[in-house]
Amino acid sequence: MQNHDEIPVESEAESTAFNIDYEADDDWSNYKDSDVMQQQSAIFEQDAAKFPFVGDKEPLSSLEAEYKSGSPILLEKIKVLSEQYSAIRRTRGDGNCFFRSFMFSYLEHILESQDQAEVERVKTNVEKCRKTLQDLGYADFTFEDFFSLFLEQLESVLQGNDASISHDELIVRSRDQSVSDYVVMFFRFVTSGEIRKRSEFFEPFILGLSNTTVEQFCKTSVEPMGEESDHTVARVIRMAVSV
């Protein structure tokens, strides 16, 4: 799947000074690492909340202007992007940006192409992903709502039925946390299931990245909301859904 009109990118959160309320004569030894981490997490969430889950379309030139004083290599990469894409959409940098970008870009592609055969193909793959999770011992109630909502969104971008939505409505839904978070969790479960199913293949990559077992990696770095996605996760989701 390719979209030659736009490419989602992660928004950079505005920098915020690290601030903890304390008295001038406070003993910093009283502050635990967990306190500092909690404060940093709160700052991160506040910054992320300033941006919508999916932003408005912007010309790609805005990205070039933003980094005009940056690395020449980065500017060259932006130039290469401009040969295929005319616009960008920024996504909230909350650790779920890859999945939100993937979701919106794919659903927008279906909305514009009205490719019924592609929808049926992906629905078949989704059923295979559901079976994978069941075979791995996941209880249906842990993932079924997420799968149902994704399939509902997939059906809704096909025109000609009572549940069909417009492009503007797709943007509204993509910015609705109750919808967006569920679709993110759908992709997280699909990714986790695919990694576990092919654990022998992915184990060397995971050990090189995190020095943990496949099961630990899935539990701590794939399934939880807010965990950033690396190139392994990006590769897996494409393999699982074949998009």
C-alpha atoms as a PDB file:
ATOM      1  CA  MET A   1       0.000   0.000   0.000  1.00  0.00           C
ATOM      2  CA  GLN A   2       1.347   3.371  -0.989  1.00  0.00           C
ATOM      3  CA  ASN A   3      -0.065   6.841  -0.712  1.00  0.00           C
ATOM      4  CA  HIS A   4       1.692   9.328  -2.964  1.00  0.00           C
ATOM      5  CA  ASP A   5      -0.185  12.340  -1.617  1.00  0.00           C
ATOM      6  CA  GLU A   6       0.848  12.538   1.998  1.00  0.00           C
ATOM      7  CA  ILE A   7       2.952  10.919   4.658  1.00  0.00           C
ATOM      8  CA  PRO A   8       2.210  10.960   8.415  1.00  0.00           C
ATOM      9  CA  VAL A   9       5.034  12.173  10.628  1.00  0.00           C
ATOM     10  CA  GLU A  10       5.381  12.358  14.391  1.00  0.00           C
ATOM     11  CA  SER A  11       4.989  15.773  15.960  1.00  0.00           C
ATOM     12  CA  GLU A  12       7.831  16.988  18.097  1.00  0.00           C
ATOM     13  CA  ALA A  13       6.566  17.957  21.524  1.00  0.00           C
ATOM     14  CA  GLU A  14       7.405  21.469  22.553  1.00  0.00           C
ATOM     15  CA  SER A  15      10.240  21.482  25.060  1.00  0.00           C
ATOM     16  CA  THR A  16       9.163  21.950  28.623  1.00  0.00           C
ATOM     17  CA  ALA A  17      11.493  22.812  31.487  1.00  0.00           C
ATOM     18  CA  PHE A  18      11.789  20.030  34.029  1.00  0.00           C
ATOM     19  CA  ASN A  19      10.164  21.289  37.183  1.00  0.00           C
ATOM     20  CA  ILE A  20       9.571  19.720  40.551  1.00  0.00           C
ATOM     21  CA  ASP A  21       8.150  21.725  43.428  1.00  0.00           C
ATOM     22  CA  TYR A  22      10.675  21.855  46.217  1.00  0.00           C
ATOM     23  CA  GLU A  23      11.951  24.169  48.934  1.00  0.00           C
ATOM     24  CA  ALA A  24      15.370  25.765  48.562  1.00  0.00           C
ATOM     25  CA  ASP A  25      16.767  23.787  51.483  1.00  0.00           C
ATOM     26  CA  ASP A  26      15.210  20.474  50.397  1.00  0.00           C
ATOM     27  CA  ASP A  27      17.459  17.450  50.569  1.00  0.00           C
ATOM     28  CA  TRP A  28      17.485  15.976  47.063  1.00  0.00           C
ATOM     29  CA  SER A  29      18.311  12.589  48.548  1.00  0.00           C
ATOM     30  CA  ASN A  30      14.657  12.452  49.591  1.00  0.00           C
ATOM     31  CA  TYR A  31      13.617  12.275  45.933  1.00  0.00           C
ATOM     32  CA  LYS A  32      13.523   8.735  44.564  1.00  0.00           C
ATOM     33  CA  ASP A  33      14.241   7.819  40.951  1.00  0.00           C
ATOM     34  CA  SER A  34      10.595   6.820  40.636  1.00  0.00           C
ATOM     35  CA  ASP A  35       9.534  10.352  41.677  1.00  0.00           C
ATOM     36  CA  VAL A  36      11.697  11.918  38.992  1.00  0.00           C
ATOM     37  CA  MET A  37      10.507   9.437  36.368  1.00  0.00           C
ATOM     38  CA  GLN A  38       6.890  10.087  37.309  1.00  0.00           C
ATOM     39  CA  GLN A  39       7.412  13.829  36.911  1.00  0.00           C
ATOM     40  CA  GLN A  40       9.110  13.350  33.557  1.00  0.00           C
ATOM     41  CA  SER A  41       6.233  11.131  32.425  1.00  0.00           C
ATOM     42  CA  ALA A  42       3.695  13.786  33.455  1.00  0.00           C
ATOM     43  CA  ILE A  43       5.573  16.438  31.483  1.00  0.00           C
ATOM     44  CA  PHE A  44       5.703  14.162  28.446  1.00  0.00           C
ATOM     45  CA  GLU A  45       1.954  13.544  28.593  1.00  0.00           C
ATOM     46  CA  GLN A  46       1.206  17.259  28.944  1.00  0.00           C
ATOM     47  CA  ASP A  47       3.337  18.081  25.913  1.00  0.00           C
ATOM     48  CA  ALA A  48       1.851  15.272  23.832  1.00  0.00           C
ATOM     49  CA  ALA A  49      -1.719  16.357  24.645  1.00  0.00           C
ATOM     50  CA  LYS A  50      -1.102  19.688  22.898  1.00  0.00           C
ATOM     51  CA  PHE A  51      -1.252  17.907  19.542  1.00  0.00           C
ATOM     52  CA  PRO A  52      -4.195  16.006  17.974  1.00  0.00           C
ATOM     53  CA  PHE A  53      -3.785  12.291  17.337  1.00  0.00           C
ATOM     54  CA  VAL A  54      -3.812  13.081  13.609  1.00  0.00           C
ATOM     55  CA  GLY A  55      -3.089  16.592  12.380  1.00  0.00           C
ATOM     56  CA  ASP A  56      -4.289  18.584   9.398  1.00  0.00           C
ATOM     57  CA  LYS A  57      -2.585  18.189   6.059  1.00  0.00           C
ATOM     58  CA  GLU A  58       0.466  20.437   5.604  1.00  0.00           C
ATOM     59  CA  PRO A  59       2.656  20.990   2.535  1.00  0.00           C
ATOM     60  CA  LEU A  60       5.875  19.009   2.679  1.00  0.00           C
ATOM     61  CA  SER A  61       7.728  22.306   2.333  1.00  0.00           C
ATOM     62  CA  SER A  62       6.753  23.081   5.936  1.00  0.00           C
ATOM     63  CA  LEU A  63       8.928  20.183   7.072  1.00  0.00           C
ATOM     64  CA  GLU A  64      11.838  21.474   5.009  1.00  0.00           C
ATOM     65  CA  ALA A  65      11.440  24.960   6.508  1.00  0.00           C
ATOM     66  CA  GLU A  66      11.343  23.470  10.005  1.00  0.00           C
ATOM     67  CA  TYR A  67      14.715  21.775   9.519  1.00  0.00           C
ATOM     68  CA  LYS A  68      16.391  24.309   7.235  1.00  0.00           C
ATOM     69  CA  SER A  69      19.171  24.821   9.795  1.00  0.00           C
ATOM     70  CA  GLY A  70      19.520  21.120  10.482  1.00  0.00           C
ATOM     71  CA  SER A  71      21.643  18.349   9.075  1.00  0.00           C
ATOM     72  CA  PRO A  72      22.235  18.459   5.292  1.00  0.00           C
ATOM     73  CA  ILE A  73      21.568  14.713   5.243  1.00  0.00           C
ATOM     74  CA  LEU A  74      18.144  15.236   6.809  1.00  0.00           C
ATOM     75  CA  LEU A  75      17.321  17.963   4.300  1.00  0.00           C
ATOM     76  CA  GLU A  76      18.331  15.659   1.482  1.00  0.00           C
ATOM     77  CA  LYS A  77      15.988  12.979   2.823  1.00  0.00           C
ATOM     78  CA  ILE A  78      13.138  15.503   2.910  1.00  0.00           C
ATOM     79  CA  LYS A  79      13.937  16.353  -0.706  1.00  0.00           C
ATOM     80  CA  VAL A  80      13.685  12.671  -1.621  1.00  0.00           C
ATOM     81  CA  LEU A  81      10.314  12.474   0.144  1.00  0.00           C
ATOM     82  CA  SER A  82       9.075  15.438  -1.906  1.00  0.00           C
ATOM     83  CA  GLU A  83       9.571  13.379  -5.062  1.00  0.00           C
ATOM     84  CA  GLN A  84       6.808  11.006  -3.925  1.00  0.00           C
ATOM     85  CA  TYR A  85       4.709  12.992  -1.462  1.00  0.00           C
ATOM     86  CA  SER A  86       3.166  16.434  -1.571  1.00  0.00           C
ATOM     87  CA  ALA A  87       1.982  16.747   2.028  1.00  0.00           C
ATOM     88  CA  ILE A  88       2.369  15.498   5.582  1.00  0.00           C
ATOM     89  CA  ARG A  89       0.139  14.940   8.577  1.00  0.00           C
ATOM     90  CA  ARG A  90       1.703  15.157  12.017  1.00  0.00           C
ATOM     91  CA  THR A  91       0.680  12.640  14.651  1.00  0.00           C
ATOM     92  CA  ARG A  92       0.834  12.973  18.401  1.00  0.00           C
ATOM     93  CA  GLY A  93       4.205  11.876  19.771  1.00  0.00           C
ATOM     94  CA  ASP A  94       2.810   9.793  22.606  1.00  0.00           C
ATOM     95  CA  GLY A  95       4.523   6.484  21.872  1.00  0.00           C
ATOM     96  CA  ASN A  96       1.609   5.305  19.728  1.00  0.00           C
ATOM     97  CA  CYS A  97       2.397   7.501  16.739  1.00  0.00           C
ATOM     98  CA  PHE A  98       3.510   4.679  14.432  1.00  0.00           C
ATOM     99  CA  PHE A  99       0.273   2.736  14.883  1.00  0.00           C
ATOM    100  CA  ARG A 100      -1.900   5.868  14.586  1.00  0.00           C
ATOM    101  CA  SER A 101      -0.069   6.875  11.406  1.00  0.00           C
ATOM    102  CA  PHE A 102      -0.357   3.380   9.971  1.00  0.00           C
ATOM    103  CA  MET A 103      -4.069   3.246  10.814  1.00  0.00           C
ATOM    104  CA  PHE A 104      -4.966   6.588   9.250  1.00  0.00           C
ATOM    105  CA  SER A 105      -2.821   6.141   6.148  1.00  0.00           C
ATOM    106  CA  TYR A 106      -4.249   2.711   5.401  1.00  0.00           C
ATOM    107  CA  LEU A 107      -7.891   3.632   6.008  1.00  0.00           C
ATOM    108  CA  GLU A 108      -7.461   6.784   3.919  1.00  0.00           C
ATOM    109  CA  HIS A 109      -5.988   4.662   1.121  1.00  0.00           C
ATOM    110  CA  ILE A 110      -9.037   2.373   1.168  1.00  0.00           C
ATOM    111  CA  LEU A 111     -11.406   5.339   1.303  1.00  0.00           C
ATOM    112  CA  GLU A 112      -9.804   6.854  -1.795  1.00  0.00           C
ATOM    113  CA  SER A 113      -9.298   3.636  -3.750  1.00  0.00           C
ATOM    114  CA  GLN A 114     -12.550   1.857  -2.770  1.00  0.00           C
ATOM    115  CA  ASP A 115     -10.686  -1.399  -3.233  1.00  0.00           C
ATOM    116  CA  GLN A 116     -13.201  -4.024  -2.111  1.00  0.00           C
ATOM    117  CA  ALA A 117     -10.843  -6.887  -2.939  1.00  0.00           C
ATOM    118  CA  GLU A 118      -8.162  -5.368  -0.688  1.00  0.00           C
ATOM    119  CA  VAL A 119     -10.643  -5.073   2.182  1.00  0.00           C
ATOM    120  CA  GLU A 120     -11.659  -8.710   1.833  1.00  0.00           C
ATOM    121  CA  ARG A 121      -8.009  -9.782   1.704  1.00  0.00           C
ATOM    122  CA  VAL A 122      -7.177  -7.870   4.896  1.00  0.00           C
ATOM    123  CA  LYS A 123     -10.281  -9.200   6.654  1.00  0.00           C
ATOM    124  CA  THR A 124      -9.083 -12.726   5.876  1.00  0.00           C
ATOM    125  CA  ASN A 125      -5.667 -11.887   7.346  1.00  0.00           C
ATOM    126  CA  VAL A 126      -7.294 -10.371  10.426  1.00  0.00           C
ATOM    127  CA  GLU A 127      -9.126 -13.656  11.015  1.00  0.00           C
ATOM    128  CA  LYS A 128      -5.780 -15.461  10.794  1.00  0.00           C
ATOM    129  CA  CYS A 129      -4.376 -13.046  13.383  1.00  0.00           C
ATOM    130  CA  ARG A 130      -7.331 -13.755  15.659  1.00  0.00           C
ATOM    131  CA  LYS A 131      -6.698 -17.504  15.318  1.00  0.00           C
ATOM    132  CA  THR A 132      -2.997 -16.942  16.111  1.00  0.00           C
ATOM    133  CA  LEU A 133      -3.851 -15.218  19.391  1.00  0.00           C
ATOM    134  CA  GLN A 134      -6.306 -17.962  20.323  1.00  0.00           C
ATOM    135  CA  ASP A 135      -3.717 -20.654  19.570  1.00  0.00           C
ATOM    136  CA  LEU A 136      -1.218 -18.788  21.757  1.00  0.00           C
ATOM    137  CA  GLY A 137      -3.638 -18.975  24.687  1.00  0.00           C
ATOM    138  CA  TYR A 138      -5.090 -15.444  24.667  1.00  0.00           C
ATOM    139  CA  ALA A 139      -8.667 -15.298  25.946  1.00  0.00           C
ATOM    140  CA  ASP A 140     -11.051 -13.797  23.387  1.00  0.00           C
ATOM    141  CA  PHE A 141     -12.246 -11.089  25.764  1.00  0.00           C
ATOM    142  CA  THR A 142      -8.729  -9.618  25.973  1.00  0.00           C
ATOM    143  CA  PHE A 143      -8.652  -8.609  22.296  1.00  0.00           C
ATOM    144  CA  GLU A 144     -12.068  -9.130  20.672  1.00  0.00           C
ATOM    145  CA  ASP A 145     -13.341  -5.558  21.138  1.00  0.00           C
ATOM    146  CA  PHE A 146     -10.216  -4.161  19.485  1.00  0.00           C
ATOM    147  CA  PHE A 147     -10.568  -6.501  16.493  1.00  0.00           C
ATOM    148  CA  SER A 148     -14.269  -5.698  16.104  1.00  0.00           C
ATOM    149  CA  LEU A 149     -13.691  -1.959  16.124  1.00  0.00           C
ATOM    150  CA  PHE A 150     -10.908  -2.154  13.527  1.00  0.00           C
ATOM    151  CA  LEU A 151     -13.104  -4.215  11.209  1.00  0.00           C
ATOM    152  CA  GLU A 152     -15.893  -1.691  11.740  1.00  0.00           C
ATOM    153  CA  GLN A 153     -13.577   1.141  10.696  1.00  0.00           C
ATOM    154  CA  LEU A 154     -12.413  -0.854   7.678  1.00  0.00           C
ATOM    155  CA  GLU A 155     -15.986  -1.436   6.516  1.00  0.00           C
ATOM    156  CA  SER A 156     -16.977   2.167   7.098  1.00  0.00           C
ATOM    157  CA  VAL A 157     -14.540   3.623   4.548  1.00  0.00           C
ATOM    158  CA  LEU A 158     -16.187   1.602   1.785  1.00  0.00           C
ATOM    159  CA  GLN A 159     -18.968   3.683   0.280  1.00  0.00           C
ATOM    160  CA  GLY A 160     -22.490   2.517  -0.479  1.00  0.00           C
ATOM    161  CA  ASN A 161     -23.738   1.290   2.879  1.00  0.00           C
ATOM    162  CA  ASP A 162     -25.482   2.893   5.839  1.00  0.00           C
ATOM    163  CA  ALA A 163     -22.284   2.987   7.908  1.00  0.00           C
ATOM    164  CA  SER A 164     -20.150   4.657   5.216  1.00  0.00           C
ATOM    165  CA  ILE A 165     -18.161   7.711   6.282  1.00  0.00           C
ATOM    166  CA  SER A 166     -16.595  10.645   4.444  1.00  0.00           C
ATOM    167  CA  HIS A 167     -12.965  11.721   4.526  1.00  0.00           C
ATOM    168  CA  ASP A 168     -13.783  14.428   7.058  1.00  0.00           C
ATOM    169  CA  GLU A 169     -15.506  11.857   9.254  1.00  0.00           C
ATOM    170  CA  LEU A 170     -12.440   9.607   9.020  1.00  0.00           C
ATOM    171  CA  ILE A 171     -10.311  12.444  10.375  1.00  0.00           C
ATOM    172  CA  VAL A 172     -12.796  13.046  13.197  1.00  0.00           C
ATOM    173  CA  ARG A 173     -12.766   9.362  14.141  1.00  0.00           C
ATOM    174  CA  SER A 174      -8.976   9.219  13.985  1.00  0.00           C
ATOM    175  CA  ARG A 175      -8.876  12.072  16.506  1.00  0.00           C
ATOM    176  CA  ASP A 176     -11.416  10.394  18.795  1.00  0.00           C
ATOM    177  CA  GLN A 177      -9.461   8.718  21.596  1.00  0.00           C
ATOM    178  CA  SER A 178     -12.072   6.008  22.149  1.00  0.00           C
ATOM    179  CA  VAL A 179     -11.685   4.935  18.500  1.00  0.00           C
ATOM    180  CA  SER A 180      -7.999   5.636  17.957  1.00  0.00           C
ATOM    181  CA  ASP A 181      -6.793   3.875  21.110  1.00  0.00           C
ATOM    182  CA  TYR A 182      -8.823   0.750  20.303  1.00  0.00           C
ATOM    183  CA  VAL A 183      -7.331   0.530  16.813  1.00  0.00           C
ATOM    184  CA  VAL A 184      -3.859   1.049  18.279  1.00  0.00           C
ATOM    185  CA  MET A 185      -4.492  -1.871  20.637  1.00  0.00           C
ATOM    186  CA  PHE A 186      -5.702  -3.976  17.708  1.00  0.00           C
ATOM    187  CA  PHE A 187      -2.352  -3.449  15.980  1.00  0.00           C
ATOM    188  CA  ARG A 188      -0.440  -4.075  19.196  1.00  0.00           C
ATOM    189  CA  PHE A 189      -2.130  -7.437  19.733  1.00  0.00           C
ATOM    190  CA  VAL A 190      -1.643  -8.396  16.075  1.00  0.00           C
ATOM    191  CA  THR A 191       2.043  -7.490  16.327  1.00  0.00           C
ATOM    192  CA  SER A 192       2.522  -9.379  19.579  1.00  0.00           C
ATOM    193  CA  GLY A 193       0.810 -12.461  18.189  1.00  0.00           C
ATOM    194  CA  GLU A 194       2.951 -12.463  15.047  1.00  0.00           C
ATOM    195  CA  ILE A 195       6.184 -12.087  17.020  1.00  0.00           C
ATOM    196  CA  ARG A 196       5.257 -14.893  19.404  1.00  0.00           C
ATOM    197  CA  LYS A 197       4.189 -17.147  16.527  1.00  0.00           C
ATOM    198  CA  ARG A 198       7.556 -16.611  14.821  1.00  0.00           C
ATOM    199  CA  SER A 199       9.562 -16.421  18.019  1.00  0.00           C
ATOM    200  CA  GLU A 200      12.538 -18.367  16.678  1.00  0.00           C
ATOM    201  CA  PHE A 201      12.883 -15.971  13.755  1.00  0.00           C
ATOM    202  CA  PHE A 202      12.560 -12.779  15.828  1.00  0.00           C
ATOM    203  CA  GLU A 203      14.493 -13.888  18.897  1.00  0.00           C
ATOM    204  CA  PRO A 204      17.942 -12.769  17.586  1.00  0.00           C
ATOM    205  CA  PHE A 205      16.588  -9.308  16.724  1.00  0.00           C
ATOM    206  CA  ILE A 206      14.916  -8.938  20.114  1.00  0.00           C
ATOM    207  CA  LEU A 207      17.984 -10.087  22.018  1.00  0.00           C
ATOM    208  CA  GLY A 208      20.047  -7.527  20.122  1.00  0.00           C
ATOM    209  CA  LEU A 209      17.588  -4.744  20.901  1.00  0.00           C
ATOM    210  CA  SER A 210      16.577  -5.384  24.490  1.00  0.00           C
ATOM    211  CA  ASN A 211      18.395  -8.457  25.824  1.00  0.00           C
ATOM    212  CA  THR A 212      15.048  -9.962  26.881  1.00  0.00           C
ATOM    213  CA  THR A 213      13.034 -13.012  25.894  1.00  0.00           C
ATOM    214  CA  VAL A 214      10.413 -12.820  23.166  1.00  0.00           C
ATOM    215  CA  GLU A 215       7.636 -13.109  25.760  1.00  0.00           C
ATOM    216  CA  GLN A 216       9.091 -10.312  27.903  1.00  0.00           C
ATOM    217  CA  PHE A 217       9.567  -8.097  24.872  1.00  0.00           C
ATOM    218  CA  CYS A 218       5.941  -8.529  23.819  1.00  0.00           C
ATOM    219  CA  LYS A 219       4.628  -7.915  27.342  1.00  0.00           C
ATOM    220  CA  THR A 220       6.731  -4.822  28.020  1.00  0.00           C
ATOM    221  CA  SER A 221       7.488  -3.254  24.625  1.00  0.00           C
ATOM    222  CA  VAL A 222       4.668  -4.218  22.267  1.00  0.00           C
ATOM    223  CA  GLU A 223       1.332  -4.692  24.021  1.00  0.00           C
ATOM    224  CA  PRO A 224       1.296  -1.725  26.478  1.00  0.00           C
ATOM    225  CA  MET A 225      -0.075   1.597  25.225  1.00  0.00           C
ATOM    226  CA  GLY A 226       2.536   4.331  24.908  1.00  0.00           C
ATOM    227  CA  GLU A 227       5.466   2.038  24.133  1.00  0.00           C
ATOM    228  CA  GLU A 228       7.342   3.343  21.107  1.00  0.00           C
ATOM    229  CA  SER A 229       7.704   1.114  18.061  1.00  0.00           C
ATOM    230  CA  ASP A 230      11.061   0.237  16.539  1.00  0.00           C
ATOM    231  CA  HIS A 231      11.836  -1.102  13.059  1.00  0.00           C
ATOM    232  CA  THR A 232      11.119  -4.670  14.216  1.00  0.00           C
ATOM    233  CA  VAL A 233       7.540  -3.775  15.138  1.00  0.00           C
ATOM    234  CA  ALA A 234       7.054  -1.886  11.874  1.00  0.00           C
ATOM    235  CA  ARG A 235       8.228  -4.915   9.945  1.00  0.00           C
ATOM    236  CA  VAL A 236       6.032  -7.322  11.897  1.00  0.00           C
ATOM    237  CA  ILE A 237       2.773  -5.442  11.391  1.00  0.00           C
ATOM    238  CA  ARG A 238       3.300  -5.450   7.641  1.00  0.00           C
ATOM    239  CA  MET A 239       4.005  -9.193   7.723  1.00  0.00           C
ATOM    240  CA  ALA A 240       0.963  -9.945   9.867  1.00  0.00           C
ATOM    241  CA  VAL A 241      -1.616  -7.974   7.884  1.00  0.00           C
ATOM    242  CA  SER A 242       0.289  -8.158   4.554  1.00  0.00           C
ATOM    243  CA  VAL A 243      -0.130  -4.461   3.812  1.00  0.00           C
END
